[in-house]
C-alpha atoms as a PDB file:
ATOM      1  CA  MET A   1       9.486 -11.362  12.422  1.00  0.00           C
ATOM      2  CA  PRO A   2       9.771  -9.721  15.863  1.00  0.00           C
ATOM      3  CA  GLU A   3       7.243  -6.983  16.598  1.00  0.00           C
ATOM      4  CA  ALA A   4       9.970  -4.317  16.910  1.00  0.00           C
ATOM      5  CA  ALA A   5      11.283  -5.174  13.443  1.00  0.00           C
ATOM      6  CA  VAL A   6       7.775  -4.943  11.977  1.00  0.00           C
ATOM      7  CA  SER A   7       7.321  -1.557  13.634  1.00  0.00           C
ATOM      8  CA  VAL A   8      10.588  -0.244  12.180  1.00  0.00           C
ATOM      9  CA  GLU A   9       9.711  -1.610   8.744  1.00  0.00           C
ATOM     10  CA  ARG A  10       6.288   0.057   8.849  1.00  0.00           C
ATOM     11  CA  GLU A  11       7.854   3.334   9.928  1.00  0.00           C
ATOM     12  CA  GLU A  12      10.197   3.140   6.936  1.00  0.00           C
ATOM     13  CA  ILE A  13       7.279   2.444   4.583  1.00  0.00           C
ATOM     14  CA  GLU A  14       5.282   5.319   6.044  1.00  0.00           C
ATOM     15  CA  ALA A  15       8.299   7.633   5.783  1.00  0.00           C
ATOM     16  CA  SER A  16       8.768   6.677   2.113  1.00  0.00           C
ATOM     17  CA  ILE A  17       5.114   7.385   1.378  1.00  0.00           C
ATOM     18  CA  HIS A  18       5.162  10.700   3.242  1.00  0.00           C
ATOM     19  CA  THR A  19       8.414  11.801   1.577  1.00  0.00           C
ATOM     20  CA  ALA A  20       7.029  11.031  -1.873  1.00  0.00           C
ATOM     21  CA  LEU A  21       3.786  12.885  -1.175  1.00  0.00           C
ATOM     22  CA  SER A  22       5.645  15.846   0.288  1.00  0.00           C
ATOM     23  CA  ALA A  23       7.734  15.966  -2.893  1.00  0.00           C
ATOM     24  CA  GLY A  24       4.555  15.985  -4.973  1.00  0.00           C
ATOM     25  CA  ASP A  25       5.217  12.525  -6.383  1.00  0.00           C
ATOM     26  CA  PRO A  26       2.055  10.451  -5.893  1.00  0.00           C
ATOM     27  CA  ASP A  27       3.294   7.740  -8.288  1.00  0.00           C
ATOM     28  CA  ARG A  28       6.310   7.101  -6.059  1.00  0.00           C
ATOM     29  CA  ALA A  29       4.033   7.165  -2.995  1.00  0.00           C
ATOM     30  CA  VAL A  30       1.717   4.530  -4.464  1.00  0.00           C
ATOM     31  CA  THR A  31       4.681   2.420  -5.512  1.00  0.00           C
ATOM     32  CA  ALA A  32       6.045   2.587  -1.943  1.00  0.00           C
ATOM     33  CA  LEU A  33       2.623   1.746  -0.531  1.00  0.00           C
ATOM     34  CA  LEU A  34       2.077  -1.253  -2.810  1.00  0.00           C
ATOM     35  CA  GLN A  35       5.631  -2.552  -2.431  1.00  0.00           C
ATOM     36  CA  GLY A  36       5.548  -2.072   1.325  1.00  0.00           C
ATOM     37  CA  TYR A  37       2.049  -3.223   2.185  1.00  0.00           C
ATOM     38  CA  GLY A  38       1.036  -5.166  -0.927  1.00  0.00           C
ATOM     39  CA  PRO A  39       2.345  -8.565   0.184  1.00  0.00           C
ATOM     40  CA  GLU A  40       0.606  -8.217   3.566  1.00  0.00           C
ATOM     41  CA  VAL A  41      -2.667  -7.177   1.928  1.00  0.00           C
ATOM     42  CA  LEU A  42      -2.459 -10.078  -0.508  1.00  0.00           C
ATOM     43  CA  ARG A  43      -1.798 -12.568   2.327  1.00  0.00           C
ATOM     44  CA  PHE A  44      -4.815 -11.187   4.189  1.00  0.00           C
ATOM     45  CA  LEU A  45      -6.997 -11.494   1.103  1.00  0.00           C
ATOM     46  CA  ALA A  46      -5.802 -15.040   0.430  1.00  0.00           C
ATOM     47  CA  ALA A  47      -6.644 -16.045   3.996  1.00  0.00           C
ATOM     48  CA  ARG A  48      -9.992 -14.283   3.847  1.00  0.00           C
ATOM     49  CA  HIS A  49     -11.085 -15.651   0.468  1.00  0.00           C
ATOM     50  CA  ARG A  50      -9.310 -19.020   0.707  1.00  0.00           C
ATOM     51  CA  ASP A  51      -8.833 -18.905  -3.037  1.00  0.00           C
ATOM     52  CA  GLU A  52      -5.631 -17.530  -4.546  1.00  0.00           C
ATOM     53  CA  ASP A  53      -7.237 -16.503  -7.838  1.00  0.00           C
ATOM     54  CA  GLU A  54     -10.046 -14.647  -6.092  1.00  0.00           C
ATOM     55  CA  ALA A  55      -7.576 -12.998  -3.727  1.00  0.00           C
ATOM     56  CA  ALA A  56      -5.437 -11.903  -6.675  1.00  0.00           C
ATOM     57  CA  GLU A  57      -8.501 -10.426  -8.394  1.00  0.00           C
ATOM     58  CA  VAL A  58      -9.517  -8.487  -5.277  1.00  0.00           C
ATOM     59  CA  PHE A  59      -5.930  -7.293  -4.823  1.00  0.00           C
ATOM     60  CA  SER A  60      -5.887  -6.117  -8.428  1.00  0.00           C
ATOM     61  CA  LYS A  61      -9.028  -4.058  -7.801  1.00  0.00           C
ATOM     62  CA  PHE A  62      -7.481  -2.685  -4.597  1.00  0.00           C
ATOM     63  CA  ALA A  63      -4.292  -1.664  -6.411  1.00  0.00           C
ATOM     64  CA  GLU A  64      -6.289  -0.069  -9.214  1.00  0.00           C
ATOM     65  CA  ALA A  65      -8.304   1.941  -6.673  1.00  0.00           C
ATOM     66  CA  VAL A  66      -5.110   3.146  -5.011  1.00  0.00           C
ATOM     67  CA  TRP A  67      -3.653   4.233  -8.367  1.00  0.00           C
ATOM     68  CA  THR A  68      -6.916   5.991  -9.234  1.00  0.00           C
ATOM     69  CA  ALA A  69      -6.859   7.849  -5.926  1.00  0.00           C
ATOM     70  CA  ALA A  70      -3.252   8.853  -6.588  1.00  0.00           C
ATOM     71  CA  GLY A  71      -4.378  10.739  -9.639  1.00  0.00           C
ATOM     72  CA  SER A  72      -7.038  12.659  -7.769  1.00  0.00           C
ATOM     73  CA  ALA A  73      -6.747  15.841  -5.773  1.00  0.00           C
ATOM     74  CA  ARG A  74      -7.860  13.934  -2.682  1.00  0.00           C
ATOM     75  CA  MET A  75      -4.485  12.265  -2.203  1.00  0.00           C
ATOM     76  CA  THR A  76      -2.523  14.186   0.380  1.00  0.00           C
ATOM     77  CA  SER A  77      -0.040  13.224   3.040  1.00  0.00           C
ATOM     78  CA  HIS A  78      -2.950  13.218   5.505  1.00  0.00           C
ATOM     79  CA  ALA A  79      -4.545  10.297   3.659  1.00  0.00           C
ATOM     80  CA  TRP A  80      -1.908   7.939   5.052  1.00  0.00           C
END
């Protein structure tokens, strides 16, 4: 994917996250974050761990931590 296309895609993901947070909807923000960045994070973890099962386990812990943070008062639009 060309760099410009990646940049536009990331801007759209960031805008979705910010819009959801601004609307007071952290669940939608986390969903946008995981849908937008999840595949990239999982690819990174798979390359880093060189084991798909281990990468999936680490990703699961990552996703759980993001959902936990969404429920806390610490999650604001400045966190992204």
